[in-house]
Amino acid sequence: MKHYSPLLLKYLQQFQEDPTSKVFAPLSEAYRKIGLLDEAIEICKEGLASNPDFIGGKVALARACYDKKNYVEVYETLKPHIEKIPDNLLAQRLYADSCLILGYLQEACISYKLILYFNPTDKEAAALVDELETQLYQTGGLLRGIRKPEKLRKIMKLQRLLNIVQKHKERKSEQFQ
């Protein structure tokens, strides 16, 4: 039998006592942190049914979906809310990274710029903004706002950006361990 943290068990008990409470968000995070992504997603969806406007629940769902590499769901979960919460750096990062992976370069660039606005020392976001602005300028995307299919050269650049994002995630996870 697996040993779960007392905090997870506490959240689970609170959720079972009141399934309409907002405790589903930290419960989902606890599940996510131990790798139970399906459970984290399921509990978020259940909790959001009772609390559809709870941004913390949307972010918890987006985090679990991101870890599961379901970037479309991250995008669809955060897209309707991202402009309302520009200072939520976690939501901005999840949204920006998902946009980048999905090839929505303009949206990614805008979110990375918001991250920089609220955290001007974020060197990774600054580098990504520079790279994305260069790509968008070269393709005319800064002027037109039209997404075009990526060619091989652009895909290779995107892969480099993804590697930067992955290294950043690894550094962050090392800091918290």
Protein backbone atom coordinates (compact mmCIF):
# COMPACT_ATOMS: atom_id res chain seq x y z
CA MET A 1 0.00 0.00 0.00
CA LYS A 2 1.27 3.44 -0.89
CA HIS A 3 2.03 5.99 1.79
CA TYR A 4 0.43 9.36 1.08
CA SER A 5 1.35 12.59 2.78
CA PRO A 6 -0.78 13.73 5.70
CA LEU A 7 -1.54 16.94 3.79
CA LEU A 8 -2.98 15.00 0.83
CA LEU A 9 -5.08 12.91 3.19
CA LYS A 10 -6.29 16.05 4.98
CA TYR A 11 -7.35 17.67 1.69
CA LEU A 12 -9.01 14.46 0.56
CA GLN A 13 -10.99 14.24 3.80
CA GLN A 14 -12.05 17.90 3.51
CA PHE A 15 -13.12 17.36 -0.10
CA GLN A 16 -15.10 14.26 0.80
CA GLU A 17 -16.84 16.18 3.59
CA ASP A 18 -17.69 19.09 1.26
CA PRO A 19 -17.30 18.34 -2.47
CA THR A 20 -18.39 21.90 -3.30
CA SER A 21 -15.48 23.51 -1.41
CA LYS A 22 -12.43 24.99 -3.11
CA VAL A 23 -10.12 22.51 -1.40
CA PHE A 24 -10.13 20.58 -4.67
CA ALA A 25 -7.36 22.86 -5.99
CA PRO A 26 -4.74 22.05 -3.32
CA LEU A 27 -5.89 18.42 -3.40
CA SER A 28 -5.25 18.36 -7.13
CA GLU A 29 -1.80 19.90 -6.57
CA ALA A 30 -1.00 17.23 -4.00
CA TYR A 31 -2.01 14.51 -6.47
CA ARG A 32 0.01 16.20 -9.23
CA LYS A 33 3.13 16.41 -7.10
CA ILE A 34 3.12 12.67 -6.49
CA GLY A 35 2.51 11.92 -10.15
CA LEU A 36 -1.18 11.02 -10.03
CA LEU A 37 -2.05 13.27 -12.96
CA ASP A 38 -5.30 11.59 -13.96
CA GLU A 39 -6.58 11.92 -10.41
CA ALA A 40 -5.45 15.55 -10.28
CA ILE A 41 -7.30 16.35 -13.51
CA GLU A 42 -10.41 14.44 -12.45
CA ILE A 43 -10.63 16.16 -9.05
CA CYS A 44 -10.19 19.58 -10.70
CA LYS A 45 -12.95 18.96 -13.18
CA GLU A 46 -15.21 17.77 -10.39
CA GLY A 47 -14.38 20.81 -8.26
CA LEU A 48 -14.77 23.27 -11.14
CA ALA A 49 -18.29 21.93 -11.74
CA SER A 50 -19.22 23.50 -8.39
CA ASN A 51 -16.82 26.46 -8.63
CA PRO A 52 -16.65 27.35 -12.35
CA ASP A 53 -15.16 30.83 -11.80
CA PHE A 54 -12.43 29.79 -9.36
CA ILE A 55 -9.19 30.78 -11.09
CA GLY A 56 -7.07 28.79 -8.63
CA GLY A 57 -8.93 25.68 -9.76
CA LYS A 58 -8.37 26.53 -13.42
CA VAL A 59 -4.64 26.98 -12.78
CA ALA A 60 -4.48 23.68 -10.88
CA LEU A 61 -6.19 21.95 -13.82
CA ALA A 62 -3.80 23.62 -16.27
CA ARG A 63 -0.77 22.50 -14.24
CA ALA A 64 -1.92 18.88 -14.18
CA CYS A 65 -2.72 18.97 -17.90
CA TYR A 66 0.66 20.55 -18.65
CA ASP A 67 2.47 17.84 -16.72
CA LYS A 68 0.47 15.29 -18.70
CA LYS A 69 1.61 17.08 -21.90
CA ASN A 70 -1.98 17.93 -22.81
CA TYR A 71 -1.11 21.42 -24.05
CA VAL A 72 -4.37 21.89 -25.94
CA GLU A 73 -6.35 21.52 -22.72
CA VAL A 74 -3.99 23.94 -20.92
CA TYR A 75 -4.58 26.44 -23.72
CA GLU A 76 -8.35 25.96 -23.72
CA THR A 77 -8.55 26.13 -19.90
CA LEU A 78 -6.57 29.35 -19.56
CA LYS A 79 -7.42 31.22 -22.80
CA PRO A 80 -10.77 32.64 -21.60
CA HIS A 81 -9.20 33.91 -18.35
CA ILE A 82 -5.62 34.89 -19.13
CA GLU A 83 -6.36 38.57 -19.83
CA LYS A 84 -8.27 38.88 -16.55
CA ILE A 85 -5.31 37.62 -14.50
CA PRO A 86 -2.24 39.21 -16.10
CA ASP A 87 -0.28 39.19 -12.83
CA ASN A 88 -0.75 35.46 -12.21
CA LEU A 89 2.74 34.47 -13.32
CA LEU A 90 2.10 30.75 -13.01
CA ALA A 91 -0.95 30.96 -15.28
CA GLN A 92 0.96 33.19 -17.72
CA ARG A 93 3.90 30.76 -17.83
CA LEU A 94 1.68 27.72 -18.36
CA TYR A 95 -0.25 29.55 -21.07
CA ALA A 96 2.86 30.95 -22.76
CA ASP A 97 4.70 27.62 -22.73
CA SER A 98 1.64 25.82 -24.10
CA CYS A 99 1.19 28.43 -26.83
CA LEU A 100 4.85 28.04 -27.74
CA ILE A 101 4.55 24.26 -27.96
CA LEU A 102 1.36 24.51 -30.00
CA GLY A 103 2.94 27.02 -32.38
CA TYR A 104 0.82 30.03 -31.34
CA LEU A 105 3.87 32.24 -31.37
CA GLN A 106 2.13 35.62 -31.11
CA GLU A 107 0.12 34.56 -28.08
CA ALA A 108 3.23 33.06 -26.49
CA CYS A 109 5.15 36.29 -27.10
CA ILE A 110 2.41 38.40 -25.51
CA SER A 111 2.32 36.19 -22.41
CA TYR A 112 6.10 36.14 -22.06
CA LYS A 113 6.04 39.95 -22.29
CA LEU A 114 3.50 40.06 -19.47
CA ILE A 115 5.76 37.79 -17.41
CA LEU A 116 8.60 40.24 -18.05
CA TYR A 117 6.43 43.20 -17.13
CA PHE A 118 5.70 41.70 -13.71
CA ASN A 119 9.13 40.10 -13.30
CA PRO A 120 11.73 42.09 -15.27
CA THR A 121 14.58 39.88 -14.03
CA ASP A 122 13.22 36.73 -15.73
CA LYS A 123 16.09 36.09 -18.15
CA GLU A 124 14.43 33.09 -19.76
CA ALA A 125 11.29 35.06 -20.59
CA ALA A 126 13.46 37.88 -21.97
CA ALA A 127 15.36 35.46 -24.22
CA LEU A 128 12.12 33.87 -25.42
CA VAL A 129 10.60 37.29 -26.19
CA ASP A 130 13.70 38.22 -28.21
CA GLU A 131 13.61 34.96 -30.15
CA LEU A 132 9.87 35.07 -30.75
CA GLU A 133 9.92 38.70 -31.85
CA THR A 134 12.72 37.87 -34.28
CA GLN A 135 10.77 34.93 -35.71
CA LEU A 136 7.56 36.92 -35.92
CA TYR A 137 9.32 39.85 -37.55
CA GLN A 138 11.02 37.59 -40.11
CA THR A 139 7.71 35.99 -41.05
CA GLY A 140 5.76 39.25 -40.94
CA GLY A 141 3.72 37.92 -38.04
CA LEU A 142 4.25 41.03 -35.94
CA LEU A 143 2.52 43.09 -38.59
CA ARG A 144 -0.12 40.71 -39.90
CA GLY A 145 -1.06 38.66 -36.87
CA ILE A 146 -1.58 35.63 -39.10
CA ARG A 147 -0.25 32.20 -38.13
CA LYS A 148 1.40 30.30 -40.96
CA PRO A 149 2.47 26.68 -40.96
CA GLU A 150 6.02 26.30 -39.66
CA LYS A 151 8.72 25.26 -42.10
CA LEU A 152 11.60 23.00 -41.11
CA ARG A 153 13.89 25.92 -40.22
CA LYS A 154 11.26 27.42 -37.94
CA ILE A 155 10.52 24.08 -36.34
CA MET A 156 14.20 23.72 -35.50
CA LYS A 157 14.16 27.14 -33.83
CA LEU A 158 11.04 26.20 -31.92
CA GLN A 159 12.74 23.02 -30.73
CA ARG A 160 15.61 25.13 -29.34
CA LEU A 161 13.09 27.25 -27.46
CA LEU A 162 11.43 24.15 -26.08
CA ASN A 163 14.81 22.92 -24.86
CA ILE A 164 15.29 26.21 -23.01
CA VAL A 165 11.86 25.84 -21.41
CA GLN A 166 12.64 22.25 -20.40
CA LYS A 167 15.99 23.25 -18.84
CA HIS A 168 14.21 25.98 -16.90
CA LYS A 169 11.63 23.49 -15.60
CA GLU A 170 14.40 21.10 -14.55
CA ARG A 171 16.22 23.88 -12.68
CA LYS A 172 13.01 24.87 -10.91
CA SER A 173 12.26 21.29 -9.89
CA GLU A 174 15.83 20.88 -8.57
CA GLN A 175 15.39 24.02 -6.45
CA PHE A 176 12.25 22.65 -4.80
CA GLN A 177 13.61 19.18 -4.04
